[in-house]
Amino acid sequence: MKLHRRQVLGLTAAAPFALSLRPARAAVRADVSREVLLTWHKLILELVRHTATYVPPVAARSFGYIGVIAHEALTTGNPGLRSLAGQLTDLSPLPARGEGDFDEPCVLHAALNAAVQGLFANTGPTGQRAMLKMAEIMGRSARDGIAEEVVARSVAHGEAVAAHVLAWAGTDGGAVIDNMGFPRDYTSGTRPQDWVPTSAIRLQQAPLLPDWGRNRPFAMPDTRAQGAPDHPAYDEATGSVFRGFVQEVYDTGRALTDEQKLVARFWSDDAMLTPTPAGHWISIVMQIADRDALPVETIASTLAKLGVAQADAFISCWSTKYRYNLLRPVTYIKRHIDKTWEPLLITPPFPEYTSGHSCQSGAASAVLTAIFGEDFAFDDATHEDEGLPVRSFPSFRAAAEEAAISRMYGGIHYRFSNEIGLDQGRAVAVHAAALQTEA
């Protein structure tokens, strides 16, 4: 049964939704755990869409911590799995299970419920109701047929796992988002190549999350070591290398094909309208999990590594953005080429170099290729509910490259920012891909 977005967030169709969560009594408990993991993530994708502070870097951070929590909840009861404690920066050993029997679906559900309640505490009334309803329905499904003392013991342990990871998360520098992520005081650059606001919205006269690049990474050892090389030197002269890249954005934007427009919109992944770029790749994994009937341990491990890679990619990218502080194409074009030109997509309110979409897509594709292999074909129906057609890709790399070039089609990035961003993300992903999740 496929759940549409309005069903997942609103939970208005309570009876059919409950049926989709209630496995047959004869089903193995691993299948229940799998349903717990995937169904919670369906709601998480919607909460990202409906929580005001969940701009792309913030969303990626939460996906990283939720992925770690789910994996660790399973690891404490499975000797075949290896904890990420000691592998991720400053993550200390997780609480061990005590004496007595534990039920895996109950542990996992309790951990995810606590994680979501903690990370989405500021979501709106609709999201709050959805979280409570999900906790009720999933809790009932998870504990069906399980002795109450086992349920209680399992829930307590799952909550302890989540609390441990959330306490770690609270020290990374990104736990508090003030003023929607926009600094209250900001001094603009004075060089001709420096970023300037591209929106008339008052809040966006300062750039988004200027200190995000200082956050503690998950797996990469040093933010600057995973940074990007210098971009082509800024130049306003006709025939210069830099102006050539700008001219390409301008010329492409004036002659977009229908296919290019579709690609730009498919990968736009705007905050408050979609689950953001990180959520798009989480959605891809969930679709593959359904198609290939992946076991819960594989799904959890994959989501953990993917979440870590994307969270670190945004930290690395944001460090680069504010080190170079490069202006957006629309600013250059209006100043020096055509003052009437407008890009297809809305230009985001922060510096241009490197491309965040490209960096996190490079990271996502690299870690997923390490898990599933080269030439792993898949369909992507992430935006089917919004009326965008399903797109098919022969590999994760091909999808990432399309995501990257989509930003030039949208008129908001130069080609070099997309291509170098892909490489930057791939370098970040090496550390996430190297994480050991099996004992």
Protein backbone atom coordinates (compact mmCIF):
# COMPACT_ATOMS: atom_id res chain seq x y z
CA MET A 1 0.00 0.00 0.00
CA LYS A 2 1.49 3.37 -0.99
CA LEU A 3 1.02 6.26 1.42
CA HIS A 4 0.61 9.70 -0.08
CA ARG A 5 2.07 12.74 1.64
CA ARG A 6 -1.19 14.05 3.03
CA GLN A 7 -1.91 10.65 4.59
CA VAL A 8 1.49 10.43 6.26
CA LEU A 9 1.49 13.93 7.76
CA GLY A 10 -2.20 14.34 8.50
CA LEU A 11 -2.90 10.73 9.46
CA THR A 12 -6.52 11.51 8.66
CA ALA A 13 -7.18 8.13 7.08
CA ALA A 14 -6.62 6.35 10.36
CA ALA A 15 -8.12 2.98 9.53
CA PRO A 16 -6.28 2.20 6.26
CA PHE A 17 -3.09 3.70 7.70
CA ALA A 18 -3.31 1.42 10.70
CA LEU A 19 -3.81 -1.56 8.43
CA SER A 20 -0.59 -0.71 6.57
CA LEU A 21 1.29 -0.78 9.86
CA ARG A 22 -0.21 -3.97 11.32
CA PRO A 23 1.80 -6.99 10.15
CA ALA A 24 0.31 -10.46 10.27
CA ARG A 25 0.87 -12.12 13.62
CA ALA A 26 2.93 -14.82 11.94
CA ALA A 27 5.42 -12.29 10.52
CA VAL A 28 8.90 -12.42 11.94
CA ARG A 29 9.83 -9.59 14.28
CA ALA A 30 12.52 -8.45 11.83
CA ASP A 31 9.78 -7.57 9.36
CA VAL A 32 8.08 -5.49 12.05
CA SER A 33 11.36 -3.68 12.71
CA ARG A 34 11.68 -3.00 9.01
CA GLU A 35 8.19 -1.51 8.87
CA VAL A 36 8.92 0.59 11.96
CA LEU A 37 12.07 2.01 10.37
CA LEU A 38 10.56 2.79 6.97
CA THR A 39 7.27 4.19 8.26
CA TRP A 40 8.94 6.53 10.72
CA HIS A 41 11.14 7.79 7.90
CA LYS A 42 8.09 8.50 5.76
CA LEU A 43 6.86 10.81 8.49
CA ILE A 44 10.32 12.34 8.98
CA LEU A 45 10.41 13.35 5.31
CA GLU A 46 7.12 15.16 5.80
CA LEU A 47 8.22 16.80 9.04
CA VAL A 48 11.26 18.21 7.26
CA ARG A 49 8.91 19.70 4.69
CA HIS A 50 6.71 21.31 7.34
CA THR A 51 9.21 22.52 9.95
CA ALA A 52 10.26 26.12 9.36
CA THR A 53 13.89 25.89 10.49
CA TYR A 54 14.59 22.82 8.35
CA VAL A 55 16.70 24.40 5.64
CA PRO A 56 18.97 21.92 3.79
CA PRO A 57 21.99 21.84 6.16
CA VAL A 58 19.70 21.49 9.20
CA ALA A 59 17.75 18.68 7.55
CA ALA A 60 20.94 16.83 6.64
CA ARG A 61 22.17 17.11 10.22
CA SER A 62 18.97 15.55 11.55
CA PHE A 63 19.03 12.74 9.00
CA GLY A 64 22.56 12.01 10.17
CA TYR A 65 21.59 11.72 13.83
CA ILE A 66 18.41 9.77 13.12
CA GLY A 67 20.40 7.33 11.01
CA VAL A 68 22.91 6.83 13.80
CA ILE A 69 20.15 6.33 16.38
CA ALA A 70 18.36 3.69 14.30
CA HIS A 71 21.57 1.79 13.61
CA GLU A 72 22.67 1.90 17.24
CA ALA A 73 19.25 0.76 18.49
CA LEU A 74 19.64 -2.37 16.38
CA THR A 75 23.33 -2.82 17.19
CA THR A 76 22.89 -3.11 20.96
CA GLY A 77 20.91 -6.30 20.44
CA ASN A 78 22.75 -7.81 17.47
CA PRO A 79 26.31 -9.12 17.90
CA GLY A 80 26.68 -9.17 14.12
CA LEU A 81 26.52 -5.36 14.00
CA ARG A 82 29.21 -2.90 15.00
CA SER A 83 28.55 0.34 16.86
CA LEU A 84 29.59 3.68 15.38
CA ALA A 85 30.84 4.77 18.80
CA GLY A 86 34.58 5.37 18.50
CA GLN A 87 34.22 5.78 14.74
CA LEU A 88 32.23 9.03 14.74
CA THR A 89 33.80 12.13 16.27
CA ASP A 90 33.33 12.21 20.06
CA LEU A 91 30.56 9.57 20.10
CA SER A 92 31.09 7.56 23.29
CA PRO A 93 29.87 3.98 23.80
CA LEU A 94 26.11 3.54 23.79
CA PRO A 95 24.14 2.27 26.82
CA ALA A 96 24.30 -1.51 27.03
CA ARG A 97 21.25 -3.70 27.45
CA GLY A 98 20.62 -5.03 30.91
CA GLU A 99 19.31 -8.40 32.00
CA GLY A 100 16.11 -9.86 30.58
CA ASP A 101 14.45 -10.17 27.21
CA PHE A 102 14.17 -7.29 24.74
CA ASP A 103 12.00 -6.90 21.67
CA GLU A 104 13.75 -5.35 18.66
CA PRO A 105 10.75 -3.54 17.09
CA CYS A 106 9.91 -1.99 20.46
CA VAL A 107 13.50 -0.85 20.99
CA LEU A 108 13.70 0.64 17.49
CA HIS A 109 10.31 2.33 17.71
CA ALA A 110 11.09 3.88 21.07
CA ALA A 111 14.45 5.15 19.82
CA LEU A 112 12.97 6.70 16.68
CA ASN A 113 10.03 8.18 18.55
CA ALA A 114 12.38 9.86 21.03
CA ALA A 115 14.69 11.01 18.22
CA VAL A 116 11.89 12.61 16.24
CA GLN A 117 10.33 14.22 19.30
CA GLY A 118 13.70 15.74 20.15
CA LEU A 119 14.79 16.88 16.72
CA PHE A 120 11.39 18.18 15.60
CA ALA A 121 10.24 19.74 18.86
CA ASN A 122 9.71 23.06 17.05
CA THR A 123 7.50 21.73 14.27
CA GLY A 124 4.01 23.20 13.92
CA PRO A 125 0.70 21.92 15.31
CA THR A 126 0.05 19.61 12.36
CA GLY A 127 3.46 18.03 12.75
CA GLN A 128 3.00 17.68 16.49
CA ARG A 129 -0.29 15.85 15.99
CA ALA A 130 1.27 13.61 13.37
CA MET A 131 4.15 12.68 15.68
CA LEU A 132 1.76 11.79 18.48
CA LYS A 133 -0.45 9.74 16.18
CA MET A 134 2.54 7.96 14.68
CA ALA A 135 3.84 7.15 18.16
CA GLU A 136 0.46 5.70 19.09
CA ILE A 137 -0.04 3.62 15.94
CA MET A 138 3.55 2.42 15.57
CA GLY A 139 3.80 1.71 19.28
CA ARG A 140 0.67 -0.43 19.14
CA SER A 141 1.98 -2.29 16.09
CA ALA A 142 5.43 -2.85 17.59
CA ARG A 143 4.22 -4.24 20.91
CA ASP A 144 1.43 -6.41 19.51
CA GLY A 145 1.69 -9.84 21.17
CA ILE A 146 4.70 -8.89 23.34
CA ALA A 147 4.68 -9.22 27.13
CA GLU A 148 4.29 -5.90 28.90
CA GLU A 149 7.46 -6.26 30.95
CA VAL A 150 9.44 -6.89 27.75
CA VAL A 151 7.82 -3.86 26.13
CA ALA A 152 8.67 -1.64 29.08
CA ARG A 153 12.28 -2.84 29.19
CA SER A 154 12.66 -2.42 25.43
CA VAL A 155 11.13 1.06 25.35
CA ALA A 156 13.38 2.23 28.17
CA HIS A 157 16.45 1.00 26.32
CA GLY A 158 15.43 2.54 22.99
CA GLU A 159 14.84 5.87 24.71
CA ALA A 160 18.24 5.61 26.41
CA VAL A 161 19.95 5.06 23.05
CA ALA A 162 18.22 8.11 21.58
CA ALA A 163 19.01 10.24 24.63
CA HIS A 164 22.69 9.33 24.39
CA VAL A 165 22.95 10.29 20.73
CA LEU A 166 20.85 13.45 21.16
CA ALA A 167 23.11 14.58 24.01
CA TRP A 168 26.07 14.12 21.66
CA ALA A 169 24.19 16.04 18.96
CA GLY A 170 23.63 18.94 21.34
CA THR A 171 27.37 19.70 21.41
CA ASP A 172 28.04 19.90 17.66
CA GLY A 173 27.34 23.62 17.15
CA GLY A 174 24.18 23.18 15.09
CA ALA A 175 21.58 22.35 17.73
CA VAL A 176 20.10 25.84 18.07
CA ILE A 177 18.75 27.70 15.02
CA ASP A 178 18.17 31.34 15.87
CA ASN A 179 16.23 33.77 13.68
CA MET A 180 15.50 31.04 11.10
CA GLY A 181 19.26 30.65 10.58
CA PHE A 182 19.93 34.22 9.49
CA PRO A 183 22.46 36.24 11.55
CA ARG A 184 21.06 39.25 13.34
CA ASP A 185 24.23 41.21 12.60
CA TYR A 186 26.14 40.85 9.35
CA THR A 187 28.86 42.88 7.65
CA SER A 188 28.75 42.64 3.86
CA GLY A 189 31.86 42.11 1.81
CA THR A 190 33.28 45.02 -0.17
CA ARG A 191 34.97 43.27 -3.11
CA PRO A 192 33.16 43.23 -6.47
CA GLN A 193 32.99 39.41 -6.36
CA ASP A 194 31.43 39.28 -2.88
CA TRP A 195 27.96 37.86 -2.31
CA VAL A 196 25.09 40.31 -2.01
CA PRO A 197 21.44 39.60 -1.20
CA THR A 198 19.35 38.42 -4.14
CA SER A 199 15.97 38.54 -2.42
CA ALA A 200 13.79 41.45 -1.33
CA ILE A 201 12.69 39.56 1.80
CA ARG A 202 13.97 41.50 4.79
CA LEU A 203 15.18 38.43 6.68
CA GLN A 204 17.30 37.38 3.71
CA GLN A 205 19.47 40.50 3.57
CA ALA A 206 21.97 38.46 5.57
CA PRO A 207 23.18 35.02 4.37
CA LEU A 208 21.90 31.75 5.82
CA LEU A 209 23.86 29.90 8.52
CA PRO A 210 27.25 31.62 8.10
CA ASP A 211 28.78 29.58 10.96
CA TRP A 212 27.54 26.15 9.85
CA GLY A 213 30.94 25.26 8.44
CA ARG A 214 32.33 25.39 12.01
CA ASN A 215 30.08 22.58 13.24
CA ARG A 216 31.66 19.37 14.46
CA PRO A 217 31.75 16.86 11.60
CA PHE A 218 30.42 13.34 11.97
CA ALA A 219 33.17 11.36 10.23
CA MET A 220 35.46 13.60 8.20
CA PRO A 221 38.55 14.49 10.25
CA ASP A 222 38.94 18.11 9.13
CA THR A 223 36.51 20.44 7.39
CA ARG A 224 39.10 22.36 5.41
CA ALA A 225 40.91 19.20 4.32
CA GLN A 226 37.70 18.19 2.55
CA GLY A 227 37.19 21.66 1.09
CA ALA A 228 37.51 22.85 -2.48
CA PRO A 229 40.28 24.45 -4.55
CA ASP A 230 40.15 28.09 -5.62
CA HIS A 231 37.49 28.89 -8.19
CA PRO A 232 38.42 30.64 -11.47
CA ALA A 233 39.58 34.16 -10.72
CA TYR A 234 36.80 36.72 -10.70
CA ASP A 235 36.89 38.87 -13.83
CA GLU A 236 34.48 41.23 -15.54
CA ALA A 237 36.35 41.43 -18.83
CA THR A 238 34.71 40.04 -21.95
CA GLY A 239 36.53 36.88 -22.99
CA SER A 240 37.83 36.08 -19.48
CA VAL A 241 37.49 32.59 -18.09
CA PHE A 242 35.18 33.66 -15.27
CA ARG A 243 32.93 35.69 -17.54
CA GLY A 244 32.73 32.71 -19.87
CA PHE A 245 31.21 30.63 -17.08
CA VAL A 246 28.72 33.40 -16.35
CA GLN A 247 27.84 33.71 -20.01
CA GLU A 248 27.11 29.98 -20.09
CA VAL A 249 24.56 30.38 -17.29
CA TYR A 250 22.98 33.32 -19.12
CA ASP A 251 22.84 31.65 -22.54
CA THR A 252 21.57 28.37 -21.10
CA GLY A 253 18.85 30.13 -19.15
CA ARG A 254 17.60 31.95 -22.23
CA ALA A 255 17.26 28.76 -24.30
CA LEU A 256 16.13 26.10 -21.83
CA THR A 257 14.48 23.04 -23.29
CA ASP A 258 11.44 21.48 -21.64
CA GLU A 259 13.65 18.62 -20.47
CA GLN A 260 16.14 21.00 -18.87
CA LYS A 261 13.33 22.83 -17.09
CA LEU A 262 12.01 19.50 -15.81
CA VAL A 263 15.47 18.48 -14.56
CA ALA A 264 15.88 21.80 -12.76
CA ARG A 265 12.54 21.46 -11.01
CA PHE A 266 13.00 17.77 -10.21
CA TRP A 267 16.19 18.49 -8.25
CA SER A 268 15.19 21.89 -6.88
CA ASP A 269 14.20 20.36 -3.53
CA ASP A 270 13.29 23.67 -1.93
CA ALA A 271 12.96 23.99 1.84
CA MET A 272 9.37 24.08 3.14
CA LEU A 273 8.13 22.67 -0.18
CA THR A 274 10.08 19.40 -0.33
CA PRO A 275 12.10 17.19 2.03
CA THR A 276 15.21 19.14 0.88
CA PRO A 277 18.16 17.71 -1.11
CA ALA A 278 19.18 15.38 1.73
CA GLY A 279 15.64 14.08 2.05
CA HIS A 280 15.53 13.44 -1.69
CA TRP A 281 18.41 10.96 -1.38
CA ILE A 282 16.87 9.42 1.75
CA SER A 283 13.71 8.93 -0.33
CA ILE A 284 15.74 7.18 -3.03
CA VAL A 285 17.11 4.69 -0.49
CA MET A 286 13.62 4.02 0.85
CA GLN A 287 12.35 3.30 -2.64
CA ILE A 288 15.21 0.89 -3.25
CA ALA A 289 14.52 -0.75 0.11
CA ASP A 290 10.92 -1.37 -0.95
CA ARG A 291 11.82 -2.55 -4.44
CA ASP A 292 14.56 -4.95 -3.32
CA ALA A 293 12.99 -6.00 0.02
CA LEU A 294 16.16 -5.06 1.88
CA PRO A 295 16.47 -6.33 5.47
CA VAL A 296 16.17 -3.82 8.29
CA GLU A 297 19.87 -4.01 9.20
CA THR A 298 20.90 -3.09 5.66
CA ILE A 299 18.42 -0.23 5.47
CA ALA A 300 19.52 1.18 8.84
CA SER A 301 23.21 0.91 8.02
CA THR A 302 22.67 2.55 4.63
CA LEU A 303 20.63 5.41 6.09
CA ALA A 304 23.26 5.96 8.78
CA LYS A 305 26.15 6.17 6.32
CA LEU A 306 24.12 8.28 3.91
CA GLY A 307 23.03 10.65 6.67
CA VAL A 308 26.60 11.03 7.92
CA ALA A 309 27.91 11.69 4.41
CA GLN A 310 25.30 14.33 3.64
CA ALA A 311 25.62 16.07 7.00
CA ASP A 312 29.39 16.29 6.61
CA ALA A 313 29.02 17.43 3.01
CA PHE A 314 26.95 20.42 4.08
CA ILE A 315 29.47 21.32 6.79
CA SER A 316 32.31 21.16 4.27
CA CYS A 317 30.35 23.04 1.63
CA TRP A 318 29.27 25.80 4.02
CA SER A 319 32.84 26.25 5.17
CA THR A 320 33.81 26.74 1.54
CA LYS A 321 30.92 29.09 0.78
CA TYR A 322 31.85 31.54 3.49
CA ARG A 323 35.58 31.30 2.83
CA TYR A 324 35.13 32.46 -0.77
CA ASN A 325 31.86 34.46 -0.42
CA LEU A 326 31.26 34.42 -4.18
CA LEU A 327 28.38 36.29 -5.76
CA ARG A 328 25.50 34.53 -7.51
CA PRO A 329 25.06 34.45 -11.31
CA VAL A 330 21.98 36.68 -11.19
CA THR A 331 24.01 39.43 -9.50
CA TYR A 332 26.81 39.35 -12.08
CA ILE A 333 24.44 39.06 -15.03
CA LYS A 334 22.27 41.97 -13.95
CA ARG A 335 25.33 44.13 -13.35
CA HIS A 336 27.28 43.36 -16.48
CA ILE A 337 25.20 41.50 -19.10
CA ASP A 338 21.41 41.97 -18.88
CA LYS A 339 19.68 43.81 -16.06
CA THR A 340 16.32 42.23 -16.98
CA TRP A 341 17.47 38.59 -16.74
CA GLU A 342 15.89 36.25 -14.20
CA PRO A 343 16.85 32.64 -13.39
CA LEU A 344 14.34 29.79 -13.64
CA LEU A 345 14.70 28.95 -9.95
CA ILE A 346 14.73 31.25 -6.92
CA THR A 347 18.31 31.99 -5.93
CA PRO A 348 19.02 30.80 -2.35
CA PRO A 349 20.16 33.41 0.20
CA PHE A 350 23.82 32.49 0.69
CA PRO A 351 27.12 32.54 -1.25
CA GLU A 352 27.48 30.59 -4.46
CA TYR A 353 30.72 28.54 -4.35
CA THR A 354 30.51 25.56 -4.03
CA SER A 355 27.07 24.21 -4.91
CA GLY A 356 25.40 22.62 -1.90
CA HIS A 357 23.18 20.39 -4.04
CA SER A 358 26.20 19.17 -5.98
CA CYS A 359 28.34 18.60 -2.89
CA GLN A 360 25.74 16.58 -1.01
CA SER A 361 24.72 14.69 -4.17
CA GLY A 362 28.36 13.81 -4.79
CA ALA A 363 28.59 12.56 -1.22
CA ALA A 364 25.32 10.64 -1.39
CA SER A 365 26.13 8.98 -4.70
CA ALA A 366 29.61 7.98 -3.58
CA VAL A 367 28.50 6.35 -0.33
CA LEU A 368 25.57 4.57 -2.03
CA THR A 369 27.86 3.32 -4.80
CA ALA A 370 30.20 1.94 -2.13
CA ILE A 371 27.24 0.05 -0.64
CA PHE A 372 25.33 -1.11 -3.73
CA GLY A 373 28.01 -1.03 -6.43
CA GLU A 374 28.60 0.70 -9.74
CA ASP A 375 25.88 0.71 -12.42
CA PHE A 376 23.12 0.18 -9.86
CA ALA A 377 20.00 1.25 -11.75
CA PHE A 378 16.95 2.69 -10.01
CA ASP A 379 13.82 4.76 -10.53
CA ASP A 380 13.20 7.91 -8.53
CA ALA A 381 9.57 8.77 -7.76
CA THR A 382 10.35 11.25 -4.96
CA HIS A 383 8.25 14.02 -6.47
CA GLU A 384 5.50 11.94 -8.04
CA ASP A 385 2.94 13.31 -5.57
CA GLU A 386 3.80 16.84 -6.76
CA GLY A 387 3.07 15.91 -10.35
CA LEU A 388 6.66 15.43 -11.54
CA PRO A 389 7.28 12.23 -13.50
CA VAL A 390 9.41 9.35 -12.28
CA ARG A 391 13.00 9.59 -13.51
CA SER A 392 15.24 6.59 -14.17
CA PHE A 393 19.00 6.47 -13.65
CA PRO A 394 21.62 3.87 -14.60
CA SER A 395 23.71 4.65 -11.51
CA PHE A 396 23.95 6.85 -8.44
CA ARG A 397 26.73 8.80 -10.12
CA ALA A 398 24.49 9.61 -13.07
CA ALA A 399 21.78 10.88 -10.73
CA ALA A 400 24.27 13.07 -8.87
CA GLU A 401 25.61 14.52 -12.09
CA GLU A 402 22.07 15.37 -13.20
CA ALA A 403 21.39 16.97 -9.82
CA ALA A 404 24.53 19.06 -10.23
CA ILE A 405 23.85 20.32 -13.76
CA SER A 406 20.27 21.06 -12.75
CA ARG A 407 21.59 23.99 -10.73
CA MET A 408 23.01 25.61 -13.84
CA TYR A 409 19.74 24.97 -15.69
CA GLY A 410 18.03 26.71 -12.79
CA GLY A 411 20.32 29.71 -13.23
CA ILE A 412 21.67 29.71 -9.70
CA HIS A 413 25.16 28.15 -10.04
CA TYR A 414 28.14 28.30 -12.38
CA ARG A 415 29.28 25.04 -13.97
CA PHE A 416 32.56 25.04 -12.03
CA SER A 417 30.68 25.25 -8.72
CA ASN A 418 28.67 22.17 -9.65
CA GLU A 419 31.59 20.11 -10.90
CA ILE A 420 33.93 20.99 -8.05
CA GLY A 421 31.04 20.53 -5.61
CA LEU A 422 30.58 16.95 -6.82
CA ASP A 423 34.27 16.24 -6.24
CA GLN A 424 34.11 17.87 -2.81
CA GLY A 425 31.17 15.68 -1.80
CA ARG A 426 32.86 12.54 -3.09
CA ALA A 427 35.94 13.32 -0.96
CA VAL A 428 33.74 13.79 2.11
CA ALA A 429 31.95 10.51 1.45
CA VAL A 430 35.16 8.48 1.70
CA HIS A 431 35.00 8.78 5.48
CA ALA A 432 31.31 7.84 5.74
CA ALA A 433 31.76 4.90 3.38
CA ALA A 434 34.65 3.61 5.53
CA LEU A 435 32.46 3.33 8.64
CA GLN A 436 32.21 -0.28 9.84
CA THR A 437 28.65 -1.32 10.63
CA GLU A 438 29.19 -5.09 10.77
CA ALA A 439 31.17 -6.85 13.49
